[in-house]
Amino acid sequence: MYSKKILVFILVAVFAIGTLFVGCGEEAGEGSVDIAYVNWADNVAVTYLAQAVLEEEMGYDVNVTMADAGAIYEDIAGGDHDVFLATWLPITHQDYWEQHGDDIDQIGPNFTEAKIGLVVPEYVDIDSIEEMDDYVDEFDGQLIGIDPGAGIMQAAGNALETYDSLSEYELLDSSDVGMTSELSQAVEEEEWVAVTGWIPHWKFARYDLKFLEDPEGVFGEAEDIYNVGRMGLGDDMPEVREFFENFYLEDDELHELMVMIEETGDEEGSAREWMEDNMDIVENWLP
């Protein structure tokens, strides 16, 4: 009987110690990281680059999940994903941040001096949104947009309401891929086209483009793009959070990666190649 009591005591003690260690979070380099992303060129690039570094240099398993921005903010706030690397502040994602920001960890920027607006090819003979009412036919009365949940689409909708010069235009829902396809075809045929565009994006490296002046400031000024995470990420995986505090790219670095992905169509392979060619940069991100 006495030996059975000792055995029970040992089992209870082992269980308690195991529970304690589970509660202390993952050890460095153990466990998985869930990254949510939107199918925007810049977000795709940084997501797959982060995956490459976390897996190859830090020993984590990484799951990437594509969704629209609204769903991602809800999931990050609810703890269903670990990180999202495309929070545009203070303007573009202001509404999402007002809804969910109190429940999300704003870790740090991965890009600065980002910009959104209406973009046209350089050969288009106007420079301002206020001039567009004289060229409705040339633009087919259309502004080519992306996915309707994007902050830039809300800004474009506000532009339609703000500018009399856009009263005869329609904003078309599409996607990043759809928008760039329309842009590519128009440039090839030297036709007029206006798209919802932003920096950083590979299209500025591929084509001669310009932002139309926005005198009413509907599209805002330069912004920062933040890495954000679920609350508690730093407690559970402090090494991962520290990595995302350090994870930042300059304009030429991100554009080089985006162009590689666009040319190869291989997000994961291009990200790993870029990482291997730029280990001097990558090493500054590691905890």
C-alpha atoms as a PDB file:
ATOM      1  CA  MET A   1       0.000   0.000   0.000  1.00  0.00           C
ATOM      2  CA  TYR A   2       2.816   2.378   0.958  1.00  0.00           C
ATOM      3  CA  SER A   3       4.602   1.849  -2.356  1.00  0.00           C
ATOM      4  CA  LYS A   4       1.399   2.600  -4.283  1.00  0.00           C
ATOM      5  CA  LYS A   5       1.050   5.923  -2.454  1.00  0.00           C
ATOM      6  CA  ILE A   6       4.620   6.836  -3.398  1.00  0.00           C
ATOM      7  CA  LEU A   7       3.929   5.908  -7.029  1.00  0.00           C
ATOM      8  CA  VAL A   8       0.809   8.086  -7.108  1.00  0.00           C
ATOM      9  CA  PHE A   9       2.756  10.993  -5.563  1.00  0.00           C
ATOM     10  CA  ILE A  10       5.490  10.698  -8.198  1.00  0.00           C
ATOM     11  CA  LEU A  11       2.978  10.632 -11.068  1.00  0.00           C
ATOM     12  CA  VAL A  12       1.174  13.707  -9.727  1.00  0.00           C
ATOM     13  CA  ALA A  13       4.481  15.543  -9.334  1.00  0.00           C
ATOM     14  CA  VAL A  14       5.595  14.702 -12.871  1.00  0.00           C
ATOM     15  CA  PHE A  15       2.257  15.881 -14.267  1.00  0.00           C
ATOM     16  CA  ALA A  16       2.477  19.164 -12.334  1.00  0.00           C
ATOM     17  CA  ILE A  17       6.021  19.852 -13.553  1.00  0.00           C
ATOM     18  CA  GLY A  18       5.032  19.109 -17.142  1.00  0.00           C
ATOM     19  CA  THR A  19       2.082  21.462 -16.854  1.00  0.00           C
ATOM     20  CA  LEU A  20       4.350  24.172 -15.466  1.00  0.00           C
ATOM     21  CA  PHE A  21       6.717  23.911 -18.420  1.00  0.00           C
ATOM     22  CA  VAL A  22       3.854  24.029 -20.915  1.00  0.00           C
ATOM     23  CA  GLY A  23       2.603  27.211 -19.263  1.00  0.00           C
ATOM     24  CA  CYS A  24       6.020  28.833 -19.636  1.00  0.00           C
ATOM     25  CA  GLY A  25       5.733  28.910 -23.454  1.00  0.00           C
ATOM     26  CA  GLU A  26       7.784  27.417 -26.256  1.00  0.00           C
ATOM     27  CA  GLU A  27      11.532  27.068 -26.038  1.00  0.00           C
ATOM     28  CA  ALA A  28      13.514  29.082 -28.602  1.00  0.00           C
ATOM     29  CA  GLY A  29      13.447  27.356 -31.970  1.00  0.00           C
ATOM     30  CA  GLU A  30      10.562  25.066 -31.034  1.00  0.00           C
ATOM     31  CA  GLY A  31       6.940  25.198 -32.109  1.00  0.00           C
ATOM     32  CA  SER A  32       5.172  26.805 -35.045  1.00  0.00           C
ATOM     33  CA  VAL A  33       4.447  30.368 -36.098  1.00  0.00           C
ATOM     34  CA  ASP A  34       1.232  31.239 -37.947  1.00  0.00           C
ATOM     35  CA  ILE A  35       1.528  34.198 -40.331  1.00  0.00           C
ATOM     36  CA  ALA A  36      -1.582  35.587 -42.037  1.00  0.00           C
ATOM     37  CA  TYR A  37      -1.210  37.607 -45.239  1.00  0.00           C
ATOM     38  CA  VAL A  38      -3.177  39.379 -47.952  1.00  0.00           C
ATOM     39  CA  ASN A  39      -2.382  38.739 -51.611  1.00  0.00           C
ATOM     40  CA  TRP A  40      -0.649  42.111 -52.068  1.00  0.00           C
ATOM     41  CA  ALA A  41       2.795  42.061 -53.669  1.00  0.00           C
ATOM     42  CA  ASP A  42       4.600  43.652 -50.719  1.00  0.00           C
ATOM     43  CA  ASN A  43       2.810  41.541 -48.111  1.00  0.00           C
ATOM     44  CA  VAL A  44       3.482  38.333 -50.043  1.00  0.00           C
ATOM     45  CA  ALA A  45       7.176  39.214 -50.259  1.00  0.00           C
ATOM     46  CA  VAL A  46       7.742  39.991 -46.577  1.00  0.00           C
ATOM     47  CA  THR A  47       5.626  37.045 -45.444  1.00  0.00           C
ATOM     48  CA  TYR A  48       7.599  34.463 -47.393  1.00  0.00           C
ATOM     49  CA  LEU A  49      10.890  36.105 -46.461  1.00  0.00           C
ATOM     50  CA  ALA A  50       9.960  35.955 -42.777  1.00  0.00           C
ATOM     51  CA  GLN A  51       8.987  32.312 -43.221  1.00  0.00           C
ATOM     52  CA  ALA A  52      12.367  31.525 -44.778  1.00  0.00           C
ATOM     53  CA  VAL A  53      14.319  33.174 -41.958  1.00  0.00           C
ATOM     54  CA  LEU A  54      12.220  31.682 -39.163  1.00  0.00           C
ATOM     55  CA  GLU A  55      12.554  28.180 -40.614  1.00  0.00           C
ATOM     56  CA  GLU A  56      16.133  28.192 -41.893  1.00  0.00           C
ATOM     57  CA  GLU A  57      17.843  30.398 -39.314  1.00  0.00           C
ATOM     58  CA  MET A  58      15.697  30.031 -36.184  1.00  0.00           C
ATOM     59  CA  GLY A  59      14.333  26.485 -36.392  1.00  0.00           C
ATOM     60  CA  TYR A  60      10.583  27.174 -36.354  1.00  0.00           C
ATOM     61  CA  ASP A  61       7.836  25.624 -38.424  1.00  0.00           C
ATOM     62  CA  VAL A  62       5.872  28.366 -40.188  1.00  0.00           C
ATOM     63  CA  ASN A  63       2.312  28.211 -41.480  1.00  0.00           C
ATOM     64  CA  VAL A  64       1.166  30.929 -43.882  1.00  0.00           C
ATOM     65  CA  THR A  65      -2.513  31.627 -44.488  1.00  0.00           C
ATOM     66  CA  MET A  66      -3.959  33.979 -47.107  1.00  0.00           C
ATOM     67  CA  ALA A  67      -7.179  35.873 -46.330  1.00  0.00           C
ATOM     68  CA  ASP A  68      -8.669  39.339 -46.747  1.00  0.00           C
ATOM     69  CA  ALA A  69      -7.596  42.142 -44.452  1.00  0.00           C
ATOM     70  CA  GLY A  70     -10.793  42.363 -42.423  1.00  0.00           C
ATOM     71  CA  ALA A  71     -10.733  38.678 -41.518  1.00  0.00           C
ATOM     72  CA  ILE A  72      -7.043  38.836 -40.625  1.00  0.00           C
ATOM     73  CA  TYR A  73      -7.523  41.701 -38.186  1.00  0.00           C
ATOM     74  CA  GLU A  74     -10.339  39.806 -36.479  1.00  0.00           C
ATOM     75  CA  ASP A  75      -8.198  36.659 -36.284  1.00  0.00           C
ATOM     76  CA  ILE A  76      -5.113  38.433 -34.929  1.00  0.00           C
ATOM     77  CA  ALA A  77      -7.220  40.225 -32.315  1.00  0.00           C
ATOM     78  CA  GLY A  78      -8.808  36.897 -31.390  1.00  0.00           C
ATOM     79  CA  GLY A  79      -5.470  35.094 -31.141  1.00  0.00           C
ATOM     80  CA  ASP A  80      -6.132  32.792 -34.104  1.00  0.00           C
ATOM     81  CA  HIS A  81      -2.960  33.852 -35.969  1.00  0.00           C
ATOM     82  CA  ASP A  82       0.378  34.960 -34.561  1.00  0.00           C
ATOM     83  CA  VAL A  83       1.427  37.812 -36.850  1.00  0.00           C
ATOM     84  CA  PHE A  84       0.413  39.996 -39.797  1.00  0.00           C
ATOM     85  CA  LEU A  85       3.037  42.041 -41.628  1.00  0.00           C
ATOM     86  CA  ALA A  86       0.955  44.653 -43.464  1.00  0.00           C
ATOM     87  CA  THR A  87      -0.681  47.109 -41.074  1.00  0.00           C
ATOM     88  CA  TRP A  88      -0.600  50.514 -42.799  1.00  0.00           C
ATOM     89  CA  LEU A  89      -0.740  53.391 -40.315  1.00  0.00           C
ATOM     90  CA  PRO A  90      -1.834  56.022 -39.564  1.00  0.00           C
ATOM     91  CA  ILE A  91      -4.354  56.373 -42.443  1.00  0.00           C
ATOM     92  CA  THR A  92      -4.897  53.366 -44.711  1.00  0.00           C
ATOM     93  CA  HIS A  93      -5.835  50.858 -41.997  1.00  0.00           C
ATOM     94  CA  GLN A  94      -7.157  53.415 -39.531  1.00  0.00           C
ATOM     95  CA  ASP A  95     -10.639  51.890 -39.418  1.00  0.00           C
ATOM     96  CA  TYR A  96      -9.297  48.385 -38.777  1.00  0.00           C
ATOM     97  CA  TRP A  97      -7.013  49.729 -36.062  1.00  0.00           C
ATOM     98  CA  GLU A  98      -9.834  51.618 -34.357  1.00  0.00           C
ATOM     99  CA  GLN A  99     -11.851  48.378 -34.267  1.00  0.00           C
ATOM    100  CA  HIS A 100      -9.122  45.973 -33.198  1.00  0.00           C
ATOM    101  CA  GLY A 101      -5.987  47.886 -32.177  1.00  0.00           C
ATOM    102  CA  ASP A 102      -6.568  47.532 -28.443  1.00  0.00           C
ATOM    103  CA  ASP A 103      -6.378  43.756 -28.859  1.00  0.00           C
ATOM    104  CA  ILE A 104      -3.322  43.660 -31.147  1.00  0.00           C
ATOM    105  CA  ASP A 105       0.393  44.006 -30.384  1.00  0.00           C
ATOM    106  CA  GLN A 106       1.963  46.716 -32.589  1.00  0.00           C
ATOM    107  CA  ILE A 107       5.460  45.247 -32.822  1.00  0.00           C
ATOM    108  CA  GLY A 108       7.365  47.535 -35.199  1.00  0.00           C
ATOM    109  CA  PRO A 109       7.621  48.744 -38.808  1.00  0.00           C
ATOM    110  CA  ASN A 110       8.980  46.630 -41.641  1.00  0.00           C
ATOM    111  CA  PHE A 111       8.853  49.520 -44.156  1.00  0.00           C
ATOM    112  CA  THR A 112       8.635  53.309 -43.949  1.00  0.00           C
ATOM    113  CA  GLU A 113       7.658  56.023 -46.425  1.00  0.00           C
ATOM    114  CA  ALA A 114       4.901  53.888 -47.930  1.00  0.00           C
ATOM    115  CA  LYS A 115       2.336  55.676 -50.111  1.00  0.00           C
ATOM    116  CA  ILE A 116      -1.052  55.055 -51.705  1.00  0.00           C
ATOM    117  CA  GLY A 117      -3.000  56.918 -54.391  1.00  0.00           C
ATOM    118  CA  LEU A 118      -4.256  56.880 -57.950  1.00  0.00           C
ATOM    119  CA  VAL A 119      -1.487  55.814 -60.302  1.00  0.00           C
ATOM    120  CA  VAL A 120      -1.222  56.319 -64.064  1.00  0.00           C
ATOM    121  CA  PRO A 121       1.487  55.686 -66.675  1.00  0.00           C
ATOM    122  CA  GLU A 122       3.927  58.555 -67.232  1.00  0.00           C
ATOM    123  CA  TYR A 123       2.625  59.073 -70.785  1.00  0.00           C
ATOM    124  CA  VAL A 124      -0.801  60.131 -69.454  1.00  0.00           C
ATOM    125  CA  ASP A 125      -0.985  63.901 -70.000  1.00  0.00           C
ATOM    126  CA  ILE A 126      -2.418  64.905 -66.640  1.00  0.00           C
ATOM    127  CA  ASP A 127      -0.834  65.274 -63.222  1.00  0.00           C
ATOM    128  CA  SER A 128      -3.755  65.735 -60.823  1.00  0.00           C
ATOM    129  CA  ILE A 129      -6.978  64.003 -59.856  1.00  0.00           C
ATOM    130  CA  GLU A 130      -8.701  67.347 -60.423  1.00  0.00           C
ATOM    131  CA  GLU A 131      -8.010  67.049 -64.168  1.00  0.00           C
ATOM    132  CA  MET A 132      -9.708  63.687 -64.626  1.00  0.00           C
ATOM    133  CA  ASP A 133     -13.157  65.031 -65.511  1.00  0.00           C
ATOM    134  CA  ASP A 134     -11.816  66.160 -68.899  1.00  0.00           C
ATOM    135  CA  TYR A 135     -10.667  62.649 -69.774  1.00  0.00           C
ATOM    136  CA  VAL A 136     -13.482  60.321 -68.756  1.00  0.00           C
ATOM    137  CA  ASP A 137     -13.573  58.632 -72.158  1.00  0.00           C
ATOM    138  CA  GLU A 138      -9.808  58.117 -72.245  1.00  0.00           C
ATOM    139  CA  PHE A 139     -10.020  56.292 -68.889  1.00  0.00           C
ATOM    140  CA  ASP A 140     -13.252  54.475 -69.904  1.00  0.00           C
ATOM    141  CA  GLY A 141     -14.796  56.044 -66.796  1.00  0.00           C
ATOM    142  CA  GLN A 142     -13.048  53.467 -64.607  1.00  0.00           C
ATOM    143  CA  LEU A 143     -10.634  53.322 -61.705  1.00  0.00           C
ATOM    144  CA  ILE A 144      -9.126  49.835 -61.527  1.00  0.00           C
ATOM    145  CA  GLY A 145      -9.091  48.727 -57.896  1.00  0.00           C
ATOM    146  CA  ILE A 146      -8.024  45.717 -55.874  1.00  0.00           C
ATOM    147  CA  ASP A 147      -9.831  43.593 -53.252  1.00  0.00           C
ATOM    148  CA  PRO A 148     -12.697  45.531 -51.659  1.00  0.00           C
ATOM    149  CA  GLY A 149     -11.449  44.963 -48.092  1.00  0.00           C
ATOM    150  CA  ALA A 150      -8.224  46.897 -48.707  1.00  0.00           C
ATOM    151  CA  GLY A 151      -7.784  50.287 -47.045  1.00  0.00           C
ATOM    152  CA  ILE A 152      -6.788  51.838 -50.353  1.00  0.00           C
ATOM    153  CA  MET A 153     -10.206  50.926 -51.743  1.00  0.00           C
ATOM    154  CA  GLN A 154     -11.927  52.811 -48.958  1.00  0.00           C
ATOM    155  CA  ALA A 155      -9.683  55.797 -49.691  1.00  0.00           C
ATOM    156  CA  ALA A 156     -10.526  55.543 -53.396  1.00  0.00           C
ATOM    157  CA  GLY A 157     -14.221  55.452 -52.529  1.00  0.00           C
ATOM    158  CA  ASN A 158     -13.743  58.608 -50.450  1.00  0.00           C
ATOM    159  CA  ALA A 159     -12.005  60.201 -53.434  1.00  0.00           C
ATOM    160  CA  LEU A 160     -15.079  59.536 -55.589  1.00  0.00           C
ATOM    161  CA  GLU A 161     -17.183  61.387 -53.024  1.00  0.00           C
ATOM    162  CA  THR A 162     -14.693  64.218 -52.525  1.00  0.00           C
ATOM    163  CA  TYR A 163     -13.663  65.127 -56.068  1.00  0.00           C
ATOM    164  CA  ASP A 164     -16.234  66.479 -58.538  1.00  0.00           C
ATOM    165  CA  SER A 165     -13.740  65.497 -61.224  1.00  0.00           C
ATOM    166  CA  LEU A 166     -14.473  61.818 -60.436  1.00  0.00           C
ATOM    167  CA  SER A 167     -18.267  62.083 -60.490  1.00  0.00           C
ATOM    168  CA  GLU A 168     -18.508  60.092 -63.739  1.00  0.00           C
ATOM    169  CA  TYR A 169     -16.077  57.367 -62.694  1.00  0.00           C
ATOM    170  CA  GLU A 170     -16.704  53.895 -61.309  1.00  0.00           C
ATOM    171  CA  LEU A 171     -14.348  52.106 -58.911  1.00  0.00           C
ATOM    172  CA  LEU A 172     -13.954  48.472 -59.979  1.00  0.00           C
ATOM    173  CA  ASP A 173     -13.187  45.716 -57.477  1.00  0.00           C
ATOM    174  CA  SER A 174     -10.405  43.392 -58.545  1.00  0.00           C
ATOM    175  CA  SER A 175      -7.213  42.103 -56.894  1.00  0.00           C
ATOM    176  CA  ASP A 176      -3.541  42.990 -56.874  1.00  0.00           C
ATOM    177  CA  VAL A 177      -2.998  40.472 -59.679  1.00  0.00           C
ATOM    178  CA  GLY A 178      -6.034  41.709 -61.608  1.00  0.00           C
ATOM    179  CA  MET A 179      -5.049  45.352 -61.225  1.00  0.00           C
ATOM    180  CA  THR A 180      -1.485  44.793 -62.418  1.00  0.00           C
ATOM    181  CA  SER A 181      -2.745  42.708 -65.336  1.00  0.00           C
ATOM    182  CA  GLU A 182      -4.993  45.576 -66.468  1.00  0.00           C
ATOM    183  CA  LEU A 183      -2.128  48.011 -66.000  1.00  0.00           C
ATOM    184  CA  SER A 184       0.297  45.830 -67.965  1.00  0.00           C
ATOM    185  CA  GLN A 185      -2.090  45.464 -70.880  1.00  0.00           C
ATOM    186  CA  ALA A 186      -2.804  49.205 -70.979  1.00  0.00           C
ATOM    187  CA  VAL A 187       0.908  50.108 -70.902  1.00  0.00           C
ATOM    188  CA  GLU A 188       1.665  47.603 -73.666  1.00  0.00           C
ATOM    189  CA  GLU A 189      -0.967  49.268 -75.863  1.00  0.00           C
ATOM    190  CA  GLU A 190      -0.157  52.804 -74.602  1.00  0.00           C
ATOM    191  CA  GLU A 191      -3.735  53.306 -73.453  1.00  0.00           C
ATOM    192  CA  TRP A 192      -4.836  55.487 -70.567  1.00  0.00           C
ATOM    193  CA  VAL A 193      -5.509  53.702 -67.296  1.00  0.00           C
ATOM    194  CA  ALA A 194      -5.837  54.733 -63.649  1.00  0.00           C
ATOM    195  CA  VAL A 195      -5.299  52.183 -60.885  1.00  0.00           C
ATOM    196  CA  THR A 196      -5.263  52.125 -57.125  1.00  0.00           C
ATOM    197  CA  GLY A 197      -1.528  51.935 -56.555  1.00  0.00           C
ATOM    198  CA  TRP A 198       0.955  51.951 -53.725  1.00  0.00           C
ATOM    199  CA  ILE A 199       4.617  51.941 -52.857  1.00  0.00           C
ATOM    200  CA  PRO A 200       6.168  49.446 -52.179  1.00  0.00           C
ATOM    201  CA  HIS A 201       5.174  47.495 -55.296  1.00  0.00           C
ATOM    202  CA  TRP A 202       7.158  45.880 -58.115  1.00  0.00           C
ATOM    203  CA  LYS A 203       5.130  47.686 -60.801  1.00  0.00           C
ATOM    204  CA  PHE A 204       7.143  50.859 -60.181  1.00  0.00           C
ATOM    205  CA  ALA A 205      10.312  48.966 -61.091  1.00  0.00           C
ATOM    206  CA  ARG A 206       8.708  47.494 -64.214  1.00  0.00           C
ATOM    207  CA  TYR A 207       6.828  50.479 -65.651  1.00  0.00           C
ATOM    208  CA  ASP A 208       7.210  54.273 -65.787  1.00  0.00           C
ATOM    209  CA  LEU A 209       4.389  55.365 -63.486  1.00  0.00           C
ATOM    210  CA  LYS A 210       3.356  58.378 -61.443  1.00  0.00           C
ATOM    211  CA  PHE A 211       0.931  59.222 -58.660  1.00  0.00           C
ATOM    212  CA  LEU A 212      -1.711  61.768 -59.555  1.00  0.00           C
ATOM    213  CA  GLU A 213      -1.594  64.774 -57.262  1.00  0.00           C
ATOM    214  CA  ASP A 214      -4.185  64.606 -54.484  1.00  0.00           C
ATOM    215  CA  PRO A 215      -4.756  68.230 -53.384  1.00  0.00           C
ATOM    216  CA  GLU A 216      -7.561  67.251 -50.984  1.00  0.00           C
ATOM    217  CA  GLY A 217      -5.283  64.778 -49.213  1.00  0.00           C
ATOM    218  CA  VAL A 218      -7.779  61.923 -49.459  1.00  0.00           C
ATOM    219  CA  PHE A 219      -5.025  59.321 -49.764  1.00  0.00           C
ATOM    220  CA  GLY A 220      -2.965  60.789 -46.919  1.00  0.00           C
ATOM    221  CA  GLU A 221       0.757  61.316 -46.602  1.00  0.00           C
ATOM    222  CA  ALA A 222       3.627  58.838 -46.274  1.00  0.00           C
ATOM    223  CA  GLU A 223       2.876  55.949 -43.916  1.00  0.00           C
ATOM    224  CA  ASP A 224       4.637  53.122 -42.112  1.00  0.00           C
ATOM    225  CA  ILE A 225       3.845  49.438 -42.594  1.00  0.00           C
ATOM    226  CA  TYR A 226       3.891  47.569 -39.276  1.00  0.00           C
ATOM    227  CA  ASN A 227       4.443  44.026 -38.136  1.00  0.00           C
ATOM    228  CA  VAL A 228       1.634  43.289 -35.681  1.00  0.00           C
ATOM    229  CA  GLY A 229       0.916  40.243 -33.566  1.00  0.00           C
ATOM    230  CA  ARG A 230      -1.549  38.648 -31.222  1.00  0.00           C
ATOM    231  CA  MET A 231      -1.451  39.666 -27.599  1.00  0.00           C
ATOM    232  CA  GLY A 232       0.818  37.350 -25.627  1.00  0.00           C
ATOM    233  CA  LEU A 233       3.154  36.541 -28.501  1.00  0.00           C
ATOM    234  CA  GLY A 234       6.094  37.998 -26.582  1.00  0.00           C
ATOM    235  CA  ASP A 235       5.314  35.806 -23.568  1.00  0.00           C
ATOM    236  CA  ASP A 236       4.881  32.619 -25.594  1.00  0.00           C
ATOM    237  CA  MET A 237       7.643  33.144 -28.157  1.00  0.00           C
ATOM    238  CA  PRO A 238       9.873  36.040 -27.103  1.00  0.00           C
ATOM    239  CA  GLU A 239      12.513  35.166 -29.704  1.00  0.00           C
ATOM    240  CA  VAL A 240       9.918  35.379 -32.478  1.00  0.00           C
ATOM    241  CA  ARG A 241       8.641  38.743 -31.300  1.00  0.00           C
ATOM    242  CA  GLU A 242      12.203  40.076 -31.100  1.00  0.00           C
ATOM    243  CA  PHE A 243      12.806  38.921 -34.668  1.00  0.00           C
ATOM    244  CA  PHE A 244       9.772  40.888 -35.848  1.00  0.00           C
ATOM    245  CA  GLU A 245      10.962  43.940 -33.912  1.00  0.00           C
ATOM    246  CA  ASN A 246      14.125  43.808 -36.019  1.00  0.00           C
ATOM    247  CA  PHE A 247      12.535  42.721 -39.320  1.00  0.00           C
ATOM    248  CA  TYR A 248      12.782  45.810 -41.563  1.00  0.00           C
ATOM    249  CA  LEU A 249      13.591  46.363 -45.237  1.00  0.00           C
ATOM    250  CA  GLU A 250      14.800  49.393 -47.142  1.00  0.00           C
ATOM    251  CA  ASP A 251      13.023  50.416 -50.338  1.00  0.00           C
ATOM    252  CA  ASP A 252      15.578  48.908 -52.744  1.00  0.00           C
ATOM    253  CA  GLU A 253      15.754  45.663 -50.752  1.00  0.00           C
ATOM    254  CA  LEU A 254      12.006  45.065 -50.780  1.00  0.00           C
ATOM    255  CA  HIS A 255      11.621  46.048 -54.428  1.00  0.00           C
ATOM    256  CA  GLU A 256      14.400  43.645 -55.428  1.00  0.00           C
ATOM    257  CA  LEU A 257      12.603  40.808 -53.645  1.00  0.00           C
ATOM    258  CA  MET A 258       9.211  41.696 -55.143  1.00  0.00           C
ATOM    259  CA  VAL A 259      10.638  41.806 -58.668  1.00  0.00           C
ATOM    260  CA  MET A 260      12.251  38.390 -58.137  1.00  0.00           C
ATOM    261  CA  ILE A 261       8.906  36.939 -57.041  1.00  0.00           C
ATOM    262  CA  GLU A 262       7.022  38.549 -59.908  1.00  0.00           C
ATOM    263  CA  GLU A 263       9.509  37.267 -62.481  1.00  0.00           C
ATOM    264  CA  THR A 264       9.718  33.700 -61.151  1.00  0.00           C
ATOM    265  CA  GLY A 265       6.204  33.214 -59.793  1.00  0.00           C
ATOM    266  CA  ASP A 266       7.868  31.302 -56.942  1.00  0.00           C
ATOM    267  CA  GLU A 267       7.288  33.152 -53.671  1.00  0.00           C
ATOM    268  CA  GLU A 268       9.002  30.663 -51.390  1.00  0.00           C
ATOM    269  CA  GLY A 269      11.943  29.925 -53.648  1.00  0.00           C
ATOM    270  CA  SER A 270      12.636  33.586 -54.409  1.00  0.00           C
ATOM    271  CA  ALA A 271      12.427  34.525 -50.731  1.00  0.00           C
ATOM    272  CA  ARG A 272      14.943  31.841 -49.776  1.00  0.00           C
ATOM    273  CA  GLU A 273      17.265  32.874 -52.616  1.00  0.00           C
ATOM    274  CA  TRP A 274      17.096  36.515 -51.541  1.00  0.00           C
ATOM    275  CA  MET A 275      17.793  35.494 -47.949  1.00  0.00           C
ATOM    276  CA  GLU A 276      20.854  33.469 -48.933  1.00  0.00           C
ATOM    277  CA  ASP A 277      22.190  36.362 -51.039  1.00  0.00           C
ATOM    278  CA  ASN A 278      21.662  38.920 -48.267  1.00  0.00           C
ATOM    279  CA  MET A 279      22.770  37.228 -45.080  1.00  0.00           C
ATOM    280  CA  ASP A 280      24.485  40.427 -43.928  1.00  0.00           C
ATOM    281  CA  ILE A 281      21.018  42.006 -43.708  1.00  0.00           C
ATOM    282  CA  VAL A 282      19.319  38.912 -42.298  1.00  0.00           C
ATOM    283  CA  GLU A 283      21.822  38.595 -39.459  1.00  0.00           C
ATOM    284  CA  ASN A 284      20.732  42.008 -38.143  1.00  0.00           C
ATOM    285  CA  TRP A 285      17.193  40.655 -37.704  1.00  0.00           C
ATOM    286  CA  LEU A 286      18.116  37.604 -35.663  1.00  0.00           C
ATOM    287  CA  PRO A 287      17.667  37.805 -31.857  1.00  0.00           C
END
